[in-house]
Structure formats: C-alpha cells, structure tokens
Amino acid sequence: MNSTPIKTMTINKLVAQTRTCRRFTGSPITTSTLMNLIELARLSGSARNGQPWQYSIINDQQSCCDIFPHLGWAGYLADWKGPAPEERPTAYILCLLNHDRLNVAEKHAHFDLGIASQNILLGACEQHILGCRIGAFSPEITRTFNIPDNLTLELIIALGEPKEKIVIEEAKDKNDIQYWRDTDQIHHVPKRPLKELLVTLERTTD
C-alpha cells in the first residue's frame, strides 16, 4: 500500500483561489468531470431537504456556441463584450428550479443554489477549472433547449481552464468595490477589509 500522503489544498487556499473567471484557454472539459461537480451540488444542504434544483450539463461545441450570445458577462467592464471566440467557456452547467419539488419559499431555494453553486466552483477549482456564475442572460436562451414547464432556468455556470490572472486586493475606498483590469489584462478584485464585515451588536434592555 502506498503510504505517500495526498497533497490537498487547505480550505482557506481553495476558497481564495476560487475566483470568477471570464477568459479561458479553450481546453475541453469531460462529461465525467462535470458529473463529479454535480455530485458536489447534490451533497449540498437544502431547506427542508426539498432538493428542488436540477442541472443540465453542456459541453459540446455547438451547444456552447448557441448559449454564448445570450449571456451578459461583466457589468463593471462596460466596454468589454465578453471573451473572444478562442477564450470562451468550453462547458456550462444550467441550473434549473423544479417547481414540483419546491416545498419552501422560493427565496430559500435560492439560498440552496448559492450553496450548491459554490460547491461546484470549489470542486472545479480543485481540478484547475474556474467559472463564472451568470444570472444576466436573455430569455431567448430558453428557445435553444426544450425546457419542461415545471422547470425554470435561474443560473448558468460557465466553466473552463483559466487563462487570466485574478488578484484579490483590499479595497482602498469603501465605496469603490468595482473589479477592474489593468493594461496587462490582470483582473483586480477589491474586497472590503475584515473589520468592515464585523458588527458589534448591543444587547437590548427591557
């Protein structure tokens, strides 16, 4: 038996490296890899254990090409229309809400999707794949696929091998949290300092 320890990323490093990526190398992603990511979503917590989310895996070139024109990419980069053809995602996961399984208020189901999609992205990062959660898409995209009436498309996760460098830095101005790119196309993401996330609450008195 091989006793050599398996090197794994710490949770801190994995979370720090799981960044939103919008430019990719063009390398394909296998169906088995995507299935493993859906398994991570399946294991996520769910309000009242309703598990109302279903997922469609897209990794064939024609379907990826059909999806791309309907997507909004980076709201803060107003002059950028999305990745060039050779830098586009090579896979997508469509996140669909099954209303027949919805046993809680819809907002709670969306909390579940936040957990599930983060699990997907963490698992992808561990495989040297990054992604972008896209909620800004044209309703016309639903004409690309025959989606049953009980399902609604709520989120699209674009995936690929990353091509761009992404840097996290502390926000210098609490009112300026827009991500930006420098002349070398390095993507900068300002994060509020930890002290600005903490709130001290005084106990009420009767």
N, C-alpha and C. Protein backbone atom coordinates (compact mmCIF):
# COMPACT_ATOMS: atom_id res chain seq x y z
N MET A 1 0.84 -1.20 0.00
CA MET A 1 0.00 0.00 0.00
C MET A 1 0.88 1.25 0.00
N ASN A 2 0.57 2.20 -0.87
CA ASN A 2 1.34 3.43 -0.96
C ASN A 2 0.99 4.33 0.22
N SER A 3 1.98 4.65 1.05
CA SER A 3 1.74 5.46 2.24
C SER A 3 2.03 6.93 2.03
N THR A 4 2.38 7.30 0.77
CA THR A 4 2.68 8.70 0.49
C THR A 4 1.43 9.54 0.67
N PRO A 5 1.47 10.59 1.50
CA PRO A 5 0.27 11.39 1.74
C PRO A 5 -0.15 12.14 0.47
N ILE A 6 -1.46 12.27 0.28
CA ILE A 6 -2.00 13.01 -0.86
C ILE A 6 -2.05 14.48 -0.49
N LYS A 7 -1.45 15.31 -1.35
CA LYS A 7 -1.44 16.74 -1.10
C LYS A 7 -2.77 17.35 -1.51
N THR A 8 -3.41 18.05 -0.62
CA THR A 8 -4.67 18.73 -0.92
C THR A 8 -4.56 20.17 -0.47
N MET A 9 -5.34 21.03 -1.11
CA MET A 9 -5.36 22.43 -0.71
C MET A 9 -6.12 22.58 0.60
N THR A 10 -5.65 23.48 1.44
CA THR A 10 -6.42 23.83 2.62
C THR A 10 -7.68 24.55 2.18
N ILE A 11 -8.70 24.57 3.01
CA ILE A 11 -9.95 25.24 2.65
C ILE A 11 -9.71 26.73 2.43
N ASN A 12 -8.80 27.34 3.21
CA ASN A 12 -8.51 28.76 3.03
C ASN A 12 -7.94 29.04 1.64
N LYS A 13 -6.99 28.21 1.22
CA LYS A 13 -6.37 28.40 -0.09
C LYS A 13 -7.36 28.13 -1.21
N LEU A 14 -8.16 27.09 -1.04
CA LEU A 14 -9.14 26.74 -2.07
C LEU A 14 -10.17 27.84 -2.26
N VAL A 15 -10.67 28.40 -1.16
CA VAL A 15 -11.64 29.49 -1.26
C VAL A 15 -10.99 30.71 -1.91
N ALA A 16 -9.75 31.02 -1.52
CA ALA A 16 -9.07 32.19 -2.07
C ALA A 16 -8.82 32.05 -3.56
N GLN A 17 -8.59 30.83 -4.02
CA GLN A 17 -8.30 30.62 -5.43
C GLN A 17 -9.55 30.41 -6.28
N THR A 18 -10.69 30.22 -5.64
CA THR A 18 -11.93 30.03 -6.39
C THR A 18 -12.49 31.39 -6.75
N ARG A 19 -11.97 31.95 -7.84
CA ARG A 19 -12.35 33.29 -8.28
C ARG A 19 -13.22 33.19 -9.53
N THR A 20 -14.00 34.23 -9.76
CA THR A 20 -14.76 34.34 -11.00
C THR A 20 -13.80 34.58 -12.16
N CYS A 21 -13.90 33.76 -13.18
CA CYS A 21 -13.02 33.85 -14.34
C CYS A 21 -13.87 34.02 -15.60
N ARG A 22 -13.40 34.85 -16.51
CA ARG A 22 -14.17 35.15 -17.72
C ARG A 22 -13.39 34.93 -19.02
N ARG A 23 -12.14 34.48 -18.91
CA ARG A 23 -11.34 34.20 -20.10
C ARG A 23 -10.67 32.83 -19.89
N PHE A 24 -10.78 31.97 -20.92
CA PHE A 24 -10.38 30.57 -20.77
C PHE A 24 -9.45 30.14 -21.91
N THR A 25 -8.78 29.01 -21.72
CA THR A 25 -7.79 28.54 -22.69
C THR A 25 -8.42 27.82 -23.88
N GLY A 26 -9.64 27.36 -23.73
CA GLY A 26 -10.28 26.58 -24.80
C GLY A 26 -10.16 25.09 -24.62
N SER A 27 -9.50 24.64 -23.56
CA SER A 27 -9.36 23.20 -23.31
C SER A 27 -10.71 22.60 -22.96
N PRO A 28 -11.04 21.43 -23.51
CA PRO A 28 -12.35 20.81 -23.23
C PRO A 28 -12.45 20.30 -21.80
N ILE A 29 -13.67 20.16 -21.32
CA ILE A 29 -13.95 19.59 -20.00
C ILE A 29 -14.80 18.35 -20.22
N THR A 30 -14.38 17.23 -19.65
CA THR A 30 -15.07 15.97 -19.89
C THR A 30 -16.41 15.91 -19.15
N THR A 31 -17.28 15.07 -19.67
CA THR A 31 -18.58 14.87 -19.03
C THR A 31 -18.41 14.29 -17.64
N SER A 32 -17.45 13.39 -17.46
CA SER A 32 -17.25 12.78 -16.13
C SER A 32 -16.80 13.81 -15.11
N THR A 33 -15.98 14.78 -15.52
CA THR A 33 -15.58 15.86 -14.62
C THR A 33 -16.79 16.68 -14.20
N LEU A 34 -17.65 17.00 -15.15
CA LEU A 34 -18.84 17.79 -14.86
C LEU A 34 -19.82 17.00 -13.98
N MET A 35 -19.92 15.71 -14.20
CA MET A 35 -20.78 14.88 -13.35
C MET A 35 -20.28 14.89 -11.91
N ASN A 36 -18.98 14.88 -11.72
CA ASN A 36 -18.43 14.94 -10.36
C ASN A 36 -18.77 16.26 -9.69
N LEU A 37 -18.83 17.34 -10.47
CA LEU A 37 -19.20 18.64 -9.90
C LEU A 37 -20.68 18.65 -9.50
N ILE A 38 -21.52 18.02 -10.31
CA ILE A 38 -22.94 17.92 -9.96
C ILE A 38 -23.12 17.09 -8.69
N GLU A 39 -22.26 16.10 -8.51
CA GLU A 39 -22.33 15.31 -7.28
C GLU A 39 -22.08 16.19 -6.05
N LEU A 40 -21.17 17.15 -6.17
CA LEU A 40 -20.92 18.07 -5.06
C LEU A 40 -22.14 18.94 -4.79
N ALA A 41 -22.84 19.32 -5.86
CA ALA A 41 -24.08 20.07 -5.69
C ALA A 41 -25.13 19.20 -5.00
N ARG A 42 -25.20 17.94 -5.39
CA ARG A 42 -26.19 17.02 -4.82
C ARG A 42 -26.02 16.86 -3.31
N LEU A 43 -24.78 16.93 -2.85
CA LEU A 43 -24.49 16.74 -1.43
C LEU A 43 -24.71 18.00 -0.60
N SER A 44 -25.07 19.11 -1.25
CA SER A 44 -25.26 20.38 -0.54
C SER A 44 -26.47 20.32 0.38
N GLY A 45 -26.44 21.20 1.39
CA GLY A 45 -27.61 21.34 2.26
C GLY A 45 -28.78 21.94 1.50
N SER A 46 -29.99 21.65 1.97
CA SER A 46 -31.19 22.14 1.30
C SER A 46 -32.29 22.37 2.32
N ALA A 47 -32.94 23.53 2.24
CA ALA A 47 -34.02 23.86 3.19
C ALA A 47 -35.11 22.79 3.15
N ARG A 48 -35.44 22.26 4.31
CA ARG A 48 -36.42 21.17 4.45
C ARG A 48 -36.08 19.99 3.56
N ASN A 49 -34.83 19.92 3.17
CA ASN A 49 -34.32 18.83 2.32
C ASN A 49 -35.14 18.65 1.05
N GLY A 50 -35.66 19.78 0.53
CA GLY A 50 -36.51 19.71 -0.66
C GLY A 50 -35.75 19.36 -1.92
N GLN A 51 -34.48 19.78 -2.00
CA GLN A 51 -33.61 19.48 -3.15
C GLN A 51 -34.30 19.79 -4.49
N PRO A 52 -34.73 21.06 -4.68
CA PRO A 52 -35.50 21.40 -5.88
C PRO A 52 -34.68 21.71 -7.12
N TRP A 53 -33.34 21.68 -7.00
CA TRP A 53 -32.51 22.10 -8.14
C TRP A 53 -32.09 20.91 -8.99
N GLN A 54 -32.18 21.10 -10.30
CA GLN A 54 -31.68 20.14 -11.27
C GLN A 54 -30.69 20.84 -12.20
N TYR A 55 -29.87 20.05 -12.85
CA TYR A 55 -28.75 20.62 -13.60
C TYR A 55 -28.62 19.96 -14.97
N SER A 56 -28.33 20.77 -15.95
CA SER A 56 -28.08 20.26 -17.29
C SER A 56 -26.64 20.57 -17.67
N ILE A 57 -25.91 19.54 -18.08
CA ILE A 57 -24.51 19.67 -18.45
C ILE A 57 -24.41 19.94 -19.95
N ILE A 58 -23.67 20.99 -20.30
CA ILE A 58 -23.47 21.36 -21.70
C ILE A 58 -21.96 21.42 -21.96
N ASN A 59 -21.44 20.54 -22.81
CA ASN A 59 -20.02 20.61 -23.13
C ASN A 59 -19.72 20.26 -24.59
N ASP A 60 -20.76 20.18 -25.42
CA ASP A 60 -20.48 20.02 -26.84
C ASP A 60 -20.34 21.39 -27.48
N GLN A 61 -19.48 21.48 -28.46
CA GLN A 61 -19.08 22.76 -29.02
C GLN A 61 -20.26 23.55 -29.60
N GLN A 62 -21.17 22.88 -30.29
CA GLN A 62 -22.27 23.59 -30.93
C GLN A 62 -23.19 24.21 -29.89
N SER A 63 -23.54 23.46 -28.84
CA SER A 63 -24.42 23.99 -27.80
C SER A 63 -23.76 25.15 -27.06
N CYS A 64 -22.46 25.03 -26.81
CA CYS A 64 -21.73 26.13 -26.16
C CYS A 64 -21.78 27.39 -27.02
N CYS A 65 -21.64 27.21 -28.32
CA CYS A 65 -21.71 28.36 -29.24
C CYS A 65 -23.11 28.96 -29.25
N ASP A 66 -24.14 28.12 -29.14
CA ASP A 66 -25.52 28.60 -29.14
C ASP A 66 -25.85 29.38 -27.88
N ILE A 67 -25.26 28.98 -26.74
CA ILE A 67 -25.53 29.63 -25.46
C ILE A 67 -24.86 31.00 -25.38
N PHE A 68 -23.63 31.09 -25.84
CA PHE A 68 -22.80 32.26 -25.60
C PHE A 68 -23.45 33.60 -25.94
N PRO A 69 -24.10 33.78 -27.11
CA PRO A 69 -24.62 35.10 -27.46
C PRO A 69 -25.69 35.64 -26.52
N HIS A 70 -26.26 34.77 -25.69
CA HIS A 70 -27.35 35.19 -24.81
C HIS A 70 -26.87 35.63 -23.42
N LEU A 71 -25.56 35.63 -23.20
CA LEU A 71 -25.02 35.86 -21.86
C LEU A 71 -24.50 37.27 -21.67
N GLY A 72 -24.73 37.82 -20.46
CA GLY A 72 -24.10 39.07 -20.05
C GLY A 72 -22.88 38.73 -19.22
N TRP A 73 -21.77 39.45 -19.44
CA TRP A 73 -20.51 38.98 -18.87
C TRP A 73 -19.95 39.76 -17.70
N ALA A 74 -19.80 41.05 -17.80
CA ALA A 74 -19.13 41.79 -16.71
C ALA A 74 -19.70 43.19 -16.64
N GLY A 75 -20.61 43.41 -15.71
CA GLY A 75 -21.31 44.68 -15.63
C GLY A 75 -20.39 45.87 -15.42
N TYR A 76 -19.30 45.69 -14.67
CA TYR A 76 -18.39 46.79 -14.40
C TYR A 76 -17.43 47.08 -15.55
N LEU A 77 -17.30 46.13 -16.48
CA LEU A 77 -16.42 46.34 -17.64
C LEU A 77 -17.29 46.69 -18.83
N ALA A 78 -17.74 47.94 -18.84
CA ALA A 78 -18.76 48.37 -19.79
C ALA A 78 -18.35 48.23 -21.25
N ASP A 79 -17.06 48.39 -21.54
CA ASP A 79 -16.58 48.35 -22.92
C ASP A 79 -16.17 46.95 -23.37
N TRP A 80 -16.33 45.98 -22.49
CA TRP A 80 -15.91 44.61 -22.81
C TRP A 80 -17.15 43.76 -23.07
N LYS A 81 -17.21 43.14 -24.23
CA LYS A 81 -18.40 42.40 -24.65
C LYS A 81 -18.32 40.90 -24.38
N GLY A 82 -17.33 40.52 -23.61
CA GLY A 82 -17.18 39.10 -23.30
C GLY A 82 -15.94 38.53 -23.96
N PRO A 83 -15.60 37.29 -23.63
CA PRO A 83 -14.38 36.68 -24.14
C PRO A 83 -14.40 36.50 -25.66
N ALA A 84 -13.21 36.59 -26.25
CA ALA A 84 -13.05 36.35 -27.68
C ALA A 84 -13.36 34.88 -27.97
N PRO A 85 -13.66 34.53 -29.23
CA PRO A 85 -14.04 33.15 -29.56
C PRO A 85 -13.08 32.10 -29.02
N GLU A 86 -11.78 32.37 -29.07
CA GLU A 86 -10.80 31.38 -28.62
C GLU A 86 -10.66 31.36 -27.09
N GLU A 87 -11.34 32.28 -26.39
CA GLU A 87 -11.24 32.36 -24.93
C GLU A 87 -12.57 32.05 -24.24
N ARG A 88 -13.50 31.50 -24.96
CA ARG A 88 -14.83 31.27 -24.40
C ARG A 88 -14.89 29.99 -23.56
N PRO A 89 -15.91 29.86 -22.71
CA PRO A 89 -16.05 28.65 -21.91
C PRO A 89 -16.21 27.42 -22.79
N THR A 90 -15.75 26.30 -22.29
CA THR A 90 -15.92 25.04 -23.02
C THR A 90 -16.97 24.15 -22.38
N ALA A 91 -17.61 24.65 -21.32
CA ALA A 91 -18.70 23.90 -20.69
C ALA A 91 -19.59 24.87 -19.92
N TYR A 92 -20.83 24.46 -19.78
CA TYR A 92 -21.80 25.21 -18.97
C TYR A 92 -22.60 24.23 -18.13
N ILE A 93 -23.01 24.69 -16.98
CA ILE A 93 -24.00 23.97 -16.17
C ILE A 93 -25.22 24.87 -16.05
N LEU A 94 -26.35 24.41 -16.55
CA LEU A 94 -27.60 25.15 -16.43
C LEU A 94 -28.29 24.72 -15.15
N CYS A 95 -28.63 25.68 -14.31
CA CYS A 95 -29.27 25.40 -13.01
C CYS A 95 -30.75 25.70 -13.13
N LEU A 96 -31.55 24.65 -12.95
CA LEU A 96 -32.99 24.73 -13.20
C LEU A 96 -33.77 24.44 -11.93
N LEU A 97 -34.72 25.31 -11.61
CA LEU A 97 -35.56 25.13 -10.43
C LEU A 97 -36.77 24.27 -10.81
N ASN A 98 -36.90 23.14 -10.13
CA ASN A 98 -38.04 22.24 -10.34
C ASN A 98 -39.16 22.64 -9.37
N HIS A 99 -40.19 23.29 -9.90
CA HIS A 99 -41.26 23.81 -9.06
C HIS A 99 -42.10 22.70 -8.44
N ASP A 100 -42.06 21.51 -8.99
CA ASP A 100 -42.78 20.39 -8.41
C ASP A 100 -42.13 19.91 -7.11
N ARG A 101 -40.88 20.25 -6.92
CA ARG A 101 -40.15 19.84 -5.72
C ARG A 101 -40.02 20.97 -4.71
N LEU A 102 -40.59 22.11 -5.02
CA LEU A 102 -40.43 23.29 -4.18
C LEU A 102 -41.35 23.19 -2.97
N ASN A 103 -40.78 22.97 -1.79
CA ASN A 103 -41.59 22.83 -0.57
C ASN A 103 -41.29 23.93 0.44
N VAL A 104 -40.62 24.98 -0.02
CA VAL A 104 -40.31 26.15 0.81
C VAL A 104 -40.52 27.40 -0.04
N ALA A 105 -40.43 28.58 0.59
CA ALA A 105 -40.48 29.82 -0.17
C ALA A 105 -39.33 29.83 -1.17
N GLU A 106 -39.58 30.39 -2.35
CA GLU A 106 -38.58 30.33 -3.41
C GLU A 106 -37.26 30.97 -3.01
N LYS A 107 -37.32 32.00 -2.14
CA LYS A 107 -36.06 32.63 -1.73
C LYS A 107 -35.15 31.65 -1.00
N HIS A 108 -35.75 30.71 -0.26
CA HIS A 108 -34.93 29.72 0.44
C HIS A 108 -34.29 28.76 -0.55
N ALA A 109 -35.00 28.46 -1.63
CA ALA A 109 -34.42 27.62 -2.67
C ALA A 109 -33.21 28.30 -3.30
N HIS A 110 -33.27 29.62 -3.42
CA HIS A 110 -32.14 30.35 -3.99
C HIS A 110 -30.95 30.37 -3.02
N PHE A 111 -31.23 30.36 -1.71
CA PHE A 111 -30.12 30.20 -0.76
C PHE A 111 -29.43 28.85 -1.03
N ASP A 112 -30.24 27.82 -1.25
CA ASP A 112 -29.69 26.49 -1.54
C ASP A 112 -28.81 26.52 -2.79
N LEU A 113 -29.26 27.25 -3.81
CA LEU A 113 -28.48 27.32 -5.05
C LEU A 113 -27.15 28.02 -4.82
N GLY A 114 -27.13 29.01 -3.94
CA GLY A 114 -25.86 29.65 -3.61
C GLY A 114 -24.88 28.65 -3.03
N ILE A 115 -25.37 27.79 -2.13
CA ILE A 115 -24.51 26.76 -1.53
C ILE A 115 -24.06 25.77 -2.59
N ALA A 116 -25.01 25.29 -3.38
CA ALA A 116 -24.70 24.26 -4.38
C ALA A 116 -23.74 24.77 -5.44
N SER A 117 -23.96 25.99 -5.92
CA SER A 117 -23.09 26.53 -6.96
C SER A 117 -21.69 26.80 -6.43
N GLN A 118 -21.58 27.20 -5.16
CA GLN A 118 -20.24 27.39 -4.59
C GLN A 118 -19.53 26.05 -4.45
N ASN A 119 -20.26 25.00 -4.09
CA ASN A 119 -19.65 23.68 -4.05
C ASN A 119 -19.12 23.28 -5.43
N ILE A 120 -19.90 23.58 -6.46
CA ILE A 120 -19.47 23.28 -7.83
C ILE A 120 -18.18 24.02 -8.16
N LEU A 121 -18.12 25.29 -7.83
CA LEU A 121 -16.94 26.10 -8.17
C LEU A 121 -15.72 25.72 -7.35
N LEU A 122 -15.93 25.36 -6.09
CA LEU A 122 -14.81 24.89 -5.27
C LEU A 122 -14.25 23.59 -5.83
N GLY A 123 -15.15 22.67 -6.19
CA GLY A 123 -14.71 21.41 -6.77
C GLY A 123 -14.02 21.61 -8.10
N ALA A 124 -14.52 22.56 -8.89
CA ALA A 124 -13.89 22.86 -10.18
C ALA A 124 -12.48 23.41 -9.97
N CYS A 125 -12.33 24.32 -9.03
CA CYS A 125 -11.02 24.93 -8.76
C CYS A 125 -10.00 23.86 -8.38
N GLU A 126 -10.45 22.89 -7.61
CA GLU A 126 -9.55 21.80 -7.21
C GLU A 126 -9.05 21.03 -8.43
N GLN A 127 -9.84 21.07 -9.54
CA GLN A 127 -9.45 20.41 -10.78
C GLN A 127 -8.80 21.39 -11.77
N HIS A 128 -8.40 22.56 -11.26
CA HIS A 128 -7.76 23.60 -12.08
C HIS A 128 -8.71 24.14 -13.16
N ILE A 129 -9.98 24.22 -12.79
CA ILE A 129 -11.02 24.79 -13.64
C ILE A 129 -11.65 25.95 -12.87
N LEU A 130 -11.88 27.06 -13.55
CA LEU A 130 -12.58 28.18 -12.91
C LEU A 130 -13.86 28.46 -13.68
N GLY A 131 -14.71 29.27 -13.09
CA GLY A 131 -16.00 29.52 -13.73
C GLY A 131 -16.55 30.89 -13.41
N CYS A 132 -17.71 31.14 -13.98
CA CYS A 132 -18.41 32.41 -13.78
C CYS A 132 -19.90 32.11 -13.63
N ARG A 133 -20.47 32.52 -12.51
CA ARG A 133 -21.92 32.40 -12.32
C ARG A 133 -22.60 33.54 -13.07
N ILE A 134 -23.50 33.20 -13.96
CA ILE A 134 -24.14 34.21 -14.80
C ILE A 134 -25.66 34.17 -14.58
N GLY A 135 -26.14 35.26 -14.00
CA GLY A 135 -27.59 35.41 -13.83
C GLY A 135 -28.19 36.36 -14.85
N ALA A 136 -27.31 37.06 -15.58
CA ALA A 136 -27.75 38.01 -16.60
C ALA A 136 -27.72 37.31 -17.96
N PHE A 137 -28.86 36.79 -18.36
CA PHE A 137 -28.94 36.14 -19.66
C PHE A 137 -30.30 36.46 -20.29
N SER A 138 -30.30 36.44 -21.61
CA SER A 138 -31.52 36.76 -22.35
C SER A 138 -32.53 35.63 -22.23
N PRO A 139 -33.82 35.97 -22.09
CA PRO A 139 -34.86 34.92 -22.07
C PRO A 139 -34.86 34.08 -23.34
N GLU A 140 -34.28 34.63 -24.41
CA GLU A 140 -34.22 33.91 -25.68
C GLU A 140 -33.44 32.61 -25.56
N ILE A 141 -32.60 32.51 -24.54
CA ILE A 141 -31.81 31.29 -24.39
C ILE A 141 -32.69 30.07 -24.18
N THR A 142 -33.87 30.26 -23.61
CA THR A 142 -34.76 29.13 -23.35
C THR A 142 -35.28 28.51 -24.65
N ARG A 143 -35.17 29.23 -25.76
CA ARG A 143 -35.58 28.66 -27.04
C ARG A 143 -34.53 27.73 -27.61
N THR A 144 -33.35 27.75 -27.05
CA THR A 144 -32.28 26.87 -27.50
C THR A 144 -32.52 25.44 -27.06
N PHE A 145 -33.24 25.29 -25.93
CA PHE A 145 -33.47 23.96 -25.36
C PHE A 145 -34.96 23.77 -25.08
N ASN A 146 -35.39 22.55 -25.09
CA ASN A 146 -36.77 22.22 -24.78
C ASN A 146 -36.89 22.02 -23.27
N ILE A 147 -37.19 23.10 -22.56
CA ILE A 147 -37.25 23.06 -21.09
C ILE A 147 -38.68 22.77 -20.65
N PRO A 148 -38.90 21.72 -19.87
CA PRO A 148 -40.25 21.39 -19.40
C PRO A 148 -40.88 22.54 -18.62
N ASP A 149 -42.19 22.57 -18.59
CA ASP A 149 -42.92 23.68 -17.96
C ASP A 149 -42.66 23.79 -16.46
N ASN A 150 -42.33 22.69 -15.81
CA ASN A 150 -42.13 22.73 -14.36
C ASN A 150 -40.72 23.17 -13.98
N LEU A 151 -39.87 23.45 -14.98
CA LEU A 151 -38.50 23.88 -14.72
C LEU A 151 -38.30 25.30 -15.22
N THR A 152 -37.59 26.11 -14.42
CA THR A 152 -37.19 27.44 -14.89
C THR A 152 -35.68 27.58 -14.76
N LEU A 153 -35.08 28.13 -15.79
CA LEU A 153 -33.64 28.36 -15.79
C LEU A 153 -33.35 29.60 -14.96
N GLU A 154 -32.55 29.44 -13.91
CA GLU A 154 -32.29 30.54 -12.98
C GLU A 154 -30.84 31.01 -12.98
N LEU A 155 -29.93 30.12 -13.33
CA LEU A 155 -28.50 30.47 -13.26
C LEU A 155 -27.73 29.61 -14.26
N ILE A 156 -26.70 30.21 -14.84
CA ILE A 156 -25.81 29.49 -15.75
C ILE A 156 -24.40 29.61 -15.20
N ILE A 157 -23.72 28.49 -15.09
CA ILE A 157 -22.33 28.48 -14.64
C ILE A 157 -21.45 28.16 -15.84
N ALA A 158 -20.64 29.14 -16.25
CA ALA A 158 -19.69 28.95 -17.34
C ALA A 158 -18.39 28.42 -16.77
N LEU A 159 -17.78 27.44 -17.44
CA LEU A 159 -16.59 26.79 -16.92
C LEU A 159 -15.51 26.64 -17.99
N GLY A 160 -14.27 26.65 -17.55
CA GLY A 160 -13.16 26.42 -18.45
C GLY A 160 -11.83 26.47 -17.72
N GLU A 161 -10.79 26.06 -18.40
CA GLU A 161 -9.44 26.21 -17.84
C GLU A 161 -9.08 27.69 -17.89
N PRO A 162 -8.67 28.28 -16.78
CA PRO A 162 -8.47 29.74 -16.74
C PRO A 162 -7.29 30.21 -17.58
N LYS A 163 -7.49 31.35 -18.23
CA LYS A 163 -6.42 31.98 -19.00
C LYS A 163 -5.95 33.26 -18.34
N GLU A 164 -6.83 33.90 -17.56
CA GLU A 164 -6.48 35.19 -16.98
C GLU A 164 -5.97 35.06 -15.55
N LYS A 165 -5.22 36.05 -15.13
CA LYS A 165 -4.74 36.13 -13.75
C LYS A 165 -5.70 37.02 -12.97
N ILE A 166 -6.09 36.54 -11.78
CA ILE A 166 -7.05 37.25 -10.95
C ILE A 166 -6.40 37.54 -9.60
N VAL A 167 -6.45 38.79 -9.19
CA VAL A 167 -5.78 39.23 -7.97
C VAL A 167 -6.82 39.79 -7.00
N ILE A 168 -6.81 39.30 -5.77
CA ILE A 168 -7.64 39.87 -4.71
C ILE A 168 -6.82 40.93 -3.98
N GLU A 169 -7.43 42.08 -3.75
CA GLU A 169 -6.72 43.13 -3.02
C GLU A 169 -7.71 43.84 -2.10
N GLU A 170 -7.20 44.47 -1.07
CA GLU A 170 -8.06 45.18 -0.14
C GLU A 170 -8.58 46.47 -0.77
N ALA A 171 -9.87 46.68 -0.64
CA ALA A 171 -10.47 47.90 -1.20
C ALA A 171 -9.89 49.12 -0.50
N LYS A 172 -9.44 50.07 -1.29
CA LYS A 172 -8.84 51.29 -0.72
C LYS A 172 -9.91 52.30 -0.32
N ASP A 173 -11.06 52.19 -0.93
CA ASP A 173 -12.17 53.09 -0.66
C ASP A 173 -13.41 52.23 -0.46
N LYS A 174 -14.08 52.38 0.68
CA LYS A 174 -15.22 51.52 0.99
C LYS A 174 -16.36 51.67 -0.01
N ASN A 175 -16.37 52.76 -0.75
CA ASN A 175 -17.42 52.96 -1.73
C ASN A 175 -17.01 52.57 -3.15
N ASP A 176 -15.79 52.06 -3.30
CA ASP A 176 -15.30 51.68 -4.62
C ASP A 176 -14.93 50.20 -4.59
N ILE A 177 -15.89 49.37 -4.95
CA ILE A 177 -15.65 47.92 -4.91
C ILE A 177 -15.77 47.32 -6.31
N GLN A 178 -15.62 48.14 -7.35
CA GLN A 178 -15.70 47.63 -8.72
C GLN A 178 -14.43 46.87 -9.09
N TYR A 179 -14.61 45.67 -9.65
CA TYR A 179 -13.46 44.96 -10.19
C TYR A 179 -12.99 45.68 -11.45
N TRP A 180 -11.71 45.50 -11.81
CA TRP A 180 -11.15 46.21 -12.96
C TRP A 180 -9.98 45.44 -13.53
N ARG A 181 -9.56 45.82 -14.74
CA ARG A 181 -8.41 45.20 -15.39
C ARG A 181 -7.36 46.24 -15.70
N ASP A 182 -6.11 45.86 -15.48
CA ASP A 182 -5.03 46.79 -15.80
C ASP A 182 -4.57 46.59 -17.25
N THR A 183 -3.53 47.30 -17.64
CA THR A 183 -3.07 47.27 -19.03
C THR A 183 -2.49 45.90 -19.42
N ASP A 184 -2.11 45.10 -18.43
CA ASP A 184 -1.62 43.74 -18.69
C ASP A 184 -2.75 42.71 -18.64
N GLN A 185 -4.01 43.21 -18.56
CA GLN A 185 -5.20 42.35 -18.51
C GLN A 185 -5.27 41.48 -17.26
N ILE A 186 -4.59 41.93 -16.20
CA ILE A 186 -4.76 41.27 -14.89
C ILE A 186 -6.05 41.78 -14.27
N HIS A 187 -6.87 40.86 -13.79
CA HIS A 187 -8.18 41.20 -13.26
C HIS A 187 -8.07 41.43 -11.75
N HIS A 188 -8.40 42.63 -11.29
CA HIS A 188 -8.28 43.01 -9.88
C HIS A 188 -9.66 43.02 -9.22
N VAL A 189 -9.72 42.38 -8.05
CA VAL A 189 -10.99 42.29 -7.33
C VAL A 189 -10.81 42.87 -5.93
N PRO A 190 -11.32 44.09 -5.68
CA PRO A 190 -11.20 44.68 -4.34
C PRO A 190 -12.18 44.05 -3.36
N LYS A 191 -11.70 43.71 -2.19
CA LYS A 191 -12.53 43.15 -1.13
C LYS A 191 -12.49 44.07 0.09
N ARG A 192 -13.64 44.25 0.70
CA ARG A 192 -13.69 45.05 1.91
C ARG A 192 -12.84 44.38 3.00
N PRO A 193 -12.13 45.16 3.82
CA PRO A 193 -11.33 44.56 4.90
C PRO A 193 -12.23 43.88 5.94
N LEU A 194 -11.67 42.91 6.62
CA LEU A 194 -12.42 42.11 7.58
C LEU A 194 -13.13 42.97 8.62
N LYS A 195 -12.47 44.03 9.08
CA LYS A 195 -13.06 44.87 10.12
C LYS A 195 -14.37 45.51 9.67
N GLU A 196 -14.54 45.70 8.35
CA GLU A 196 -15.77 46.29 7.85
C GLU A 196 -16.91 45.28 7.74
N LEU A 197 -16.59 44.01 7.92
CA LEU A 197 -17.63 42.98 7.89
C LEU A 197 -18.19 42.68 9.27
N LEU A 198 -17.43 43.06 10.28
CA LEU A 198 -17.84 42.74 11.64
C LEU A 198 -18.70 43.85 12.24
N VAL A 199 -19.76 43.44 12.90
CA VAL A 199 -20.68 44.38 13.55
C VAL A 199 -20.83 43.97 15.01
N THR A 200 -20.67 44.93 15.91
CA THR A 200 -20.91 44.69 17.33
C THR A 200 -22.32 45.12 17.67
N LEU A 201 -23.10 44.18 18.17
CA LEU A 201 -24.50 44.46 18.49
C LEU A 201 -24.65 44.59 20.01
N GLU A 202 -25.24 45.68 20.43
CA GLU A 202 -25.54 45.85 21.86
C GLU A 202 -26.80 45.08 22.22
N ARG A 203 -26.78 44.47 23.38
CA ARG A 203 -27.97 43.76 23.85
C ARG A 203 -29.06 44.76 24.20
N THR A 204 -30.28 44.39 23.91
CA THR A 204 -31.41 45.26 24.27
C THR A 204 -31.69 45.11 25.77
N THR A 205 -32.24 46.14 26.33
CA THR A 205 -32.62 46.09 27.74
C THR A 205 -34.12 46.33 27.85
N ASP A 206 -34.76 45.62 28.75
CA ASP A 206 -36.21 45.77 28.96
C ASP A 206 -36.47 46.99 29.85
